[in-house]
Protein backbone atom coordinates (compact mmCIF):
# COMPACT_ATOMS: atom_id res chain seq x y z
CA MET A 1 -90.51 -50.57 37.89
CA ALA A 2 -92.57 -54.03 37.60
CA HIS A 3 -96.30 -53.56 36.42
CA LYS A 4 -98.77 -53.67 38.94
CA ALA A 5 -102.38 -54.92 38.15
CA GLY A 6 -105.94 -55.67 40.14
CA PHE A 7 -109.40 -55.53 41.43
CA VAL A 8 -110.51 -53.26 43.98
CA ASN A 9 -113.76 -54.17 45.10
CA ILE A 10 -115.90 -51.49 47.28
CA ILE A 11 -118.67 -53.49 49.54
CA GLY A 12 -120.68 -51.56 52.32
CA ASN A 13 -124.45 -50.72 53.19
CA PRO A 14 -126.43 -48.81 50.33
CA ASN A 15 -125.95 -45.11 50.60
CA VAL A 16 -122.81 -45.51 52.85
CA GLY A 17 -121.06 -43.42 49.39
CA LYS A 18 -119.38 -46.16 48.10
CA SER A 19 -120.41 -44.49 44.34
CA THR A 20 -119.44 -41.37 45.49
CA LEU A 21 -115.84 -42.53 46.86
CA MET A 22 -115.85 -44.78 43.22
CA ASN A 23 -116.29 -41.26 41.13
CA VAL A 24 -113.72 -39.43 42.65
CA LEU A 25 -111.17 -42.44 42.66
CA VAL A 26 -111.38 -42.79 38.76
CA GLY A 27 -112.16 -39.21 38.20
CA GLU A 28 -114.56 -39.68 35.68
CA ARG A 29 -118.76 -40.10 36.50
CA VAL A 30 -119.25 -43.87 36.35
CA SER A 31 -121.43 -44.70 39.23
CA ILE A 32 -125.31 -43.52 39.67
CA ILE A 33 -125.51 -40.96 42.84
CA THR A 34 -129.09 -40.29 44.64
CA SER A 35 -129.79 -39.69 48.18
CA LYS A 36 -132.11 -42.57 47.81
CA ALA A 37 -130.74 -46.32 49.34
CA GLN A 38 -130.53 -49.01 46.70
CA THR A 39 -129.92 -47.11 43.92
CA THR A 40 -126.43 -49.58 42.04
CA ARG A 41 -128.09 -52.70 40.84
CA ASP A 42 -124.93 -53.43 38.82
CA ARG A 43 -121.75 -54.40 39.14
CA ILE A 44 -119.91 -51.47 37.72
CA MET A 45 -115.98 -51.36 37.20
CA GLY A 46 -114.03 -47.99 36.45
CA ILE A 47 -110.06 -48.24 34.94
CA VAL A 48 -107.77 -46.35 36.56
CA ASN A 49 -104.11 -46.56 34.55
CA GLY A 50 -100.93 -45.03 34.71
CA ASP A 51 -97.35 -46.01 33.00
CA ASP A 52 -96.54 -48.86 35.78
CA PHE A 53 -100.43 -49.67 36.71
CA GLN A 54 -103.79 -50.72 36.31
CA ILE A 55 -106.37 -49.96 38.80
CA VAL A 56 -109.42 -52.04 38.27
CA TYR A 57 -112.16 -50.47 40.91
CA SER A 58 -115.70 -52.12 40.91
CA ASP A 59 -118.48 -50.62 43.08
CA THR A 60 -121.40 -52.92 43.95
CA PRO A 61 -125.00 -52.67 44.92
CA GLY A 62 -125.85 -52.23 48.64
CA VAL A 63 -126.20 -55.48 50.88
CA ILE A 64 -129.69 -55.84 52.03
CA ASP A 65 -131.87 -58.85 52.38
CA PRO A 66 -133.30 -59.44 49.06
CA GLY A 67 -136.97 -59.23 49.02
CA TYR A 68 -137.17 -59.56 45.08
CA LYS A 69 -135.49 -61.44 42.51
CA LEU A 70 -133.95 -58.65 41.31
CA HIS A 71 -132.09 -58.14 44.66
CA GLU A 72 -130.95 -62.10 44.57
CA LYS A 73 -129.53 -60.94 41.18
CA MET A 74 -127.88 -57.90 43.21
CA MET A 75 -126.49 -59.75 45.86
CA LYS A 76 -124.93 -62.12 43.57
CA SER A 77 -122.54 -59.44 42.01
CA VAL A 78 -121.61 -58.49 45.72
CA GLN A 79 -120.68 -62.21 46.42
CA THR A 80 -118.66 -62.39 43.73
CA ALA A 81 -116.88 -59.31 45.21
CA PHE A 82 -115.70 -60.76 48.28
CA THR A 83 -114.02 -63.34 46.41
CA ASP A 84 -112.23 -62.01 43.43
CA ALA A 85 -110.65 -58.88 44.95
CA ASP A 86 -107.33 -57.92 44.97
CA ILE A 87 -107.54 -55.19 47.73
CA MET A 88 -110.83 -54.94 49.32
CA LEU A 89 -112.38 -51.76 50.46
CA PHE A 90 -114.85 -52.08 53.11
CA MET A 91 -116.90 -48.47 53.53
CA THR A 92 -119.01 -47.71 56.96
CA ASP A 93 -119.83 -44.46 57.58
CA VAL A 94 -120.21 -42.54 61.04
CA THR A 95 -124.21 -43.25 60.90
CA GLU A 96 -123.93 -46.89 60.84
CA SER A 97 -125.00 -49.00 64.12
CA GLU A 98 -122.97 -52.29 64.81
CA LYS A 99 -125.48 -54.27 63.97
CA SER A 100 -126.42 -53.43 60.50
CA THR A 101 -122.73 -54.40 59.38
CA GLU A 102 -122.93 -57.64 61.23
CA ALA A 103 -123.58 -60.37 58.26
CA THR A 104 -121.15 -58.21 56.36
CA VAL A 105 -118.28 -58.55 58.95
CA GLU A 106 -118.74 -62.05 59.24
CA LYS A 107 -118.32 -62.21 55.22
CA LEU A 108 -115.01 -60.20 55.52
CA LYS A 109 -113.09 -61.73 58.13
CA LYS A 110 -112.56 -64.74 55.39
CA VAL A 111 -111.56 -62.27 52.74
CA ALA A 112 -107.66 -63.44 51.98
CA ALA A 113 -107.15 -60.09 50.11
CA PRO A 114 -105.72 -56.93 51.70
CA LEU A 115 -108.39 -55.53 53.67
CA VAL A 116 -109.04 -51.23 53.66
CA ILE A 117 -111.93 -50.22 56.39
CA LEU A 118 -112.84 -46.44 55.25
CA ILE A 119 -115.01 -44.84 57.50
CA ASN A 120 -116.79 -42.31 55.21
CA LYS A 121 -118.88 -38.37 56.31
CA VAL A 122 -116.28 -37.73 59.08
CA ASP A 123 -117.10 -34.12 58.18
CA LEU A 124 -120.64 -34.71 60.19
CA VAL A 125 -119.07 -35.63 63.46
CA GLY A 126 -116.41 -34.69 65.87
CA GLN A 127 -112.76 -36.42 66.02
CA ASP A 128 -113.42 -38.03 69.44
CA GLU A 129 -116.38 -39.95 67.56
CA VAL A 130 -114.39 -40.67 65.15
CA LYS A 131 -111.38 -42.07 67.12
CA GLU A 132 -114.18 -43.92 68.88
CA LEU A 133 -115.22 -46.24 65.76
CA ALA A 134 -111.79 -46.37 64.49
CA LYS A 135 -110.96 -48.11 67.70
CA ARG A 136 -113.78 -50.97 67.77
CA TRP A 137 -113.33 -51.38 63.68
CA ALA A 138 -109.25 -51.98 64.73
CA GLN A 139 -110.72 -54.62 67.49
CA LEU A 140 -112.45 -56.21 64.71
CA PHE A 141 -110.12 -56.27 62.58
CA PRO A 142 -106.40 -56.01 64.19
CA LYS A 143 -104.83 -56.34 60.54
CA ALA A 144 -107.08 -54.07 58.30
CA ILE A 145 -105.77 -50.59 56.99
CA LEU A 146 -108.14 -47.92 58.58
CA LEU A 147 -108.37 -44.62 56.96
CA PRO A 148 -111.89 -41.83 57.94
CA ILE A 149 -112.47 -40.33 54.63
CA SER A 150 -115.08 -37.85 53.47
CA ALA A 151 -116.01 -39.04 49.82
CA LEU A 152 -118.42 -36.16 48.85
CA LYS A 153 -115.54 -33.75 50.44
CA LYS A 154 -112.40 -35.84 48.51
CA PHE A 155 -110.97 -35.71 52.23
CA ASN A 156 -108.24 -38.30 52.95
CA THR A 157 -109.23 -39.89 48.80
CA LYS A 158 -105.91 -39.30 47.63
CA GLY A 159 -104.88 -41.41 50.85
CA VAL A 160 -107.33 -44.48 49.50
CA PHE A 161 -105.47 -44.31 46.25
CA GLU A 162 -101.91 -44.31 47.60
CA ILE A 163 -102.42 -47.23 49.82
CA ILE A 164 -104.26 -49.40 47.00
CA LEU A 165 -101.21 -48.27 44.93
CA GLU A 166 -98.83 -49.68 47.76
CA HIS A 167 -100.78 -53.13 48.12
CA LEU A 168 -101.43 -53.39 44.48
CA PRO A 169 -99.83 -56.95 43.28
CA GLU A 170 -97.92 -57.35 39.64
CA SER A 171 -99.39 -58.03 37.26
CA PRO A 172 -99.58 -57.34 33.54
CA ALA A 173 -102.95 -54.47 32.60
CA TYR A 174 -105.94 -57.00 32.55
CA PHE A 175 -108.17 -54.01 30.19
CA PRO A 176 -106.65 -51.94 27.18
CA LYS A 177 -104.76 -48.85 28.60
CA ASP A 178 -107.04 -46.25 26.74
CA GLN A 179 -110.20 -48.29 28.64
CA LEU A 180 -112.52 -46.31 31.37
CA THR A 181 -115.04 -49.01 32.10
CA ASP A 182 -116.20 -52.62 31.39
CA LYS A 183 -119.84 -50.83 30.62
CA PRO A 184 -120.73 -49.98 26.86
CA GLU A 185 -121.87 -45.68 26.43
CA ARG A 186 -125.73 -47.33 26.34
CA PHE A 187 -125.56 -49.17 29.58
CA PHE A 188 -124.36 -45.41 30.87
CA VAL A 189 -127.45 -43.79 29.57
CA GLY A 190 -129.63 -45.97 30.37
CA GLU A 191 -128.06 -45.61 34.32
CA ILE A 192 -128.54 -41.33 33.72
CA ILE A 193 -132.10 -41.72 33.02
CA ARG A 194 -132.80 -44.02 35.73
CA GLU A 195 -130.74 -41.48 37.86
CA LYS A 196 -132.87 -38.79 37.03
CA ILE A 197 -136.08 -40.90 37.45
CA PHE A 198 -134.36 -41.25 41.60
CA LYS A 199 -134.02 -37.78 41.34
CA TYR A 200 -137.51 -36.28 40.14
CA TYR A 201 -140.01 -39.16 41.37
CA LYS A 202 -141.05 -40.06 44.64
CA GLN A 203 -141.40 -42.99 47.15
CA GLU A 204 -141.58 -46.30 45.47
CA VAL A 205 -141.88 -45.45 41.50
CA PRO A 206 -138.39 -45.23 41.15
CA TYR A 207 -137.55 -48.98 42.87
CA SER A 208 -140.50 -50.58 40.49
CA VAL A 209 -138.57 -48.66 37.28
CA ALA A 210 -136.38 -50.34 34.90
CA VAL A 211 -134.61 -48.50 31.93
CA VAL A 212 -134.08 -50.43 28.27
CA ILE A 213 -132.26 -48.52 25.58
CA GLU A 214 -134.02 -50.32 23.02
CA SER A 215 -131.93 -48.38 19.96
CA PHE A 216 -129.32 -46.39 20.10
CA LYS A 217 -128.52 -44.78 16.63
CA GLU A 218 -124.67 -42.28 15.97
CA GLU A 219 -124.79 -40.22 13.22
CA PRO A 220 -122.50 -37.42 12.68
CA LYS A 221 -124.38 -34.64 14.15
CA ILE A 222 -126.10 -36.27 16.55
CA VAL A 223 -126.68 -39.48 18.29
CA LYS A 224 -130.59 -41.14 18.66
CA ILE A 225 -131.88 -42.69 21.39
CA ARG A 226 -135.15 -44.90 21.95
CA ALA A 227 -135.37 -45.14 26.23
CA GLU A 228 -138.29 -47.50 27.22
CA ILE A 229 -139.26 -46.96 30.87
CA VAL A 230 -140.62 -50.32 32.87
CA VAL A 231 -143.20 -49.69 35.28
CA GLU A 232 -145.06 -52.69 37.72
CA ARG A 233 -148.57 -50.96 37.96
CA GLU A 234 -150.64 -48.84 35.48
CA SER A 235 -150.74 -46.42 38.16
CA GLN A 236 -146.89 -45.70 38.35
CA LYS A 237 -147.15 -45.32 34.54
CA GLY A 238 -149.32 -42.47 35.16
CA ILE A 239 -147.32 -41.24 37.53
CA MET A 240 -144.42 -41.61 35.50
CA ILE A 241 -146.34 -39.56 32.11
CA GLY A 242 -147.84 -37.21 34.44
CA HIS A 243 -150.70 -34.64 33.57
CA LYS A 244 -150.45 -34.03 30.13
CA GLY A 245 -147.34 -35.49 29.40
CA LYS A 246 -145.47 -32.95 31.66
CA ALA A 247 -144.05 -35.42 34.19
CA LEU A 248 -142.68 -37.53 31.08
CA LYS A 249 -141.25 -34.01 29.33
CA ASN A 250 -139.35 -32.73 31.95
CA LEU A 251 -137.41 -36.27 32.42
CA GLY A 252 -136.61 -36.19 28.96
CA ILE A 253 -135.19 -32.52 28.80
CA GLN A 254 -132.85 -33.59 32.31
CA ALA A 255 -131.92 -36.65 31.01
CA ARG A 256 -131.16 -35.23 27.34
CA ARG A 257 -128.67 -32.74 29.10
CA GLU A 258 -127.10 -34.71 30.99
CA ILE A 259 -126.61 -37.28 28.34
CA GLU A 260 -125.53 -35.02 25.77
CA ASN A 261 -122.73 -33.86 28.34
CA PHE A 262 -121.90 -37.54 29.19
CA LEU A 263 -121.62 -38.02 25.02
CA GLN A 264 -120.20 -34.74 24.43
CA LYS A 265 -122.76 -34.84 21.37
CA LYS A 266 -125.65 -33.62 20.31
CA VAL A 267 -128.71 -36.22 21.76
CA PHE A 268 -132.59 -36.87 20.09
CA LEU A 269 -134.45 -38.83 23.23
CA GLN A 270 -137.20 -40.57 22.71
CA THR A 271 -138.53 -42.39 25.87
CA TYR A 272 -142.22 -44.57 26.54
CA VAL A 273 -143.25 -46.20 29.32
CA LYS A 274 -144.68 -49.78 29.30
CA VAL A 275 -145.99 -52.26 32.36
CA ASP A 276 -144.63 -55.29 33.30
CA LYS A 277 -146.19 -56.31 36.47
CA ASP A 278 -143.91 -57.68 38.86
CA TRP A 279 -140.69 -57.51 36.49
CA ARG A 280 -138.62 -57.64 39.59
CA ARG A 281 -139.89 -60.73 40.21
CA SER A 282 -139.71 -62.56 37.30
CA GLU A 283 -136.77 -64.33 36.27
CA ARG A 284 -137.79 -64.27 32.63
CA SER A 285 -138.41 -60.36 32.28
CA LEU A 286 -134.97 -59.75 34.51
CA LYS A 287 -132.79 -61.74 32.05
CA ASN A 288 -134.96 -59.57 29.00
CA LEU A 289 -134.31 -56.29 31.51
CA GLY A 290 -130.35 -56.95 31.31
CA TYR A 291 -130.57 -58.71 34.84
CA GLY A 292 -129.42 -61.74 33.94
CA GLY A 293 -126.72 -64.13 35.44
């Protein structure tokens, strides 16, 4: 049997479940998941290998109107995903309005790759509502493959994999067969810390935060990590640190536990908070923080 390989790009609005689906399909936790929108900032690849196939999944930031330079960088990676897909997964959910997907629909009409439309969160509504949604999407994209799923409940996610495998083009592998992702370990360490910030801090603070892993030193029995948390305001720095440093200490404890689980090694984690005014608007700051391109 000929070997198959290709890039499968997941597109959709914020909070429709793209990262949840990505992690289910890859079988590893490679994408940040929180209940808040706009948590994914980078295009993250997750690689699934078999003897005769390689699927390179790509989780992208949710489609938004850019409000900051940071958002512009995020949307650049989304735009690339429209053009380099071998298979396009467009993810919507049962709560989305037609208006919220209009701009993406117009872009999808120009995509030459096979299109799979996934209607997520079907566990939240009845069958009649799912049928109506499927009918509307079928009218918009008569040639697309439609599949109702629940990424969270893993309903029909095996069906997604089977569809992908069927439509994957013949090709040699793009990455070594033992590779899980295109990102280094330190990237995921930063994502774990950022996820905890989204979990334990409220309102605008998580969106104003960037995490930089300044040092990542592996020793025989321990990994020593120094992480810098960048905020935009002195007031945000105070919130991050908390009364007598309690908030930052709690963040460090929770993040360290998960990083140890991820690395399967004991971790010594140091966290610091720094103010970089309006870093989300500054081209230079974004580049320094790893959001170049």
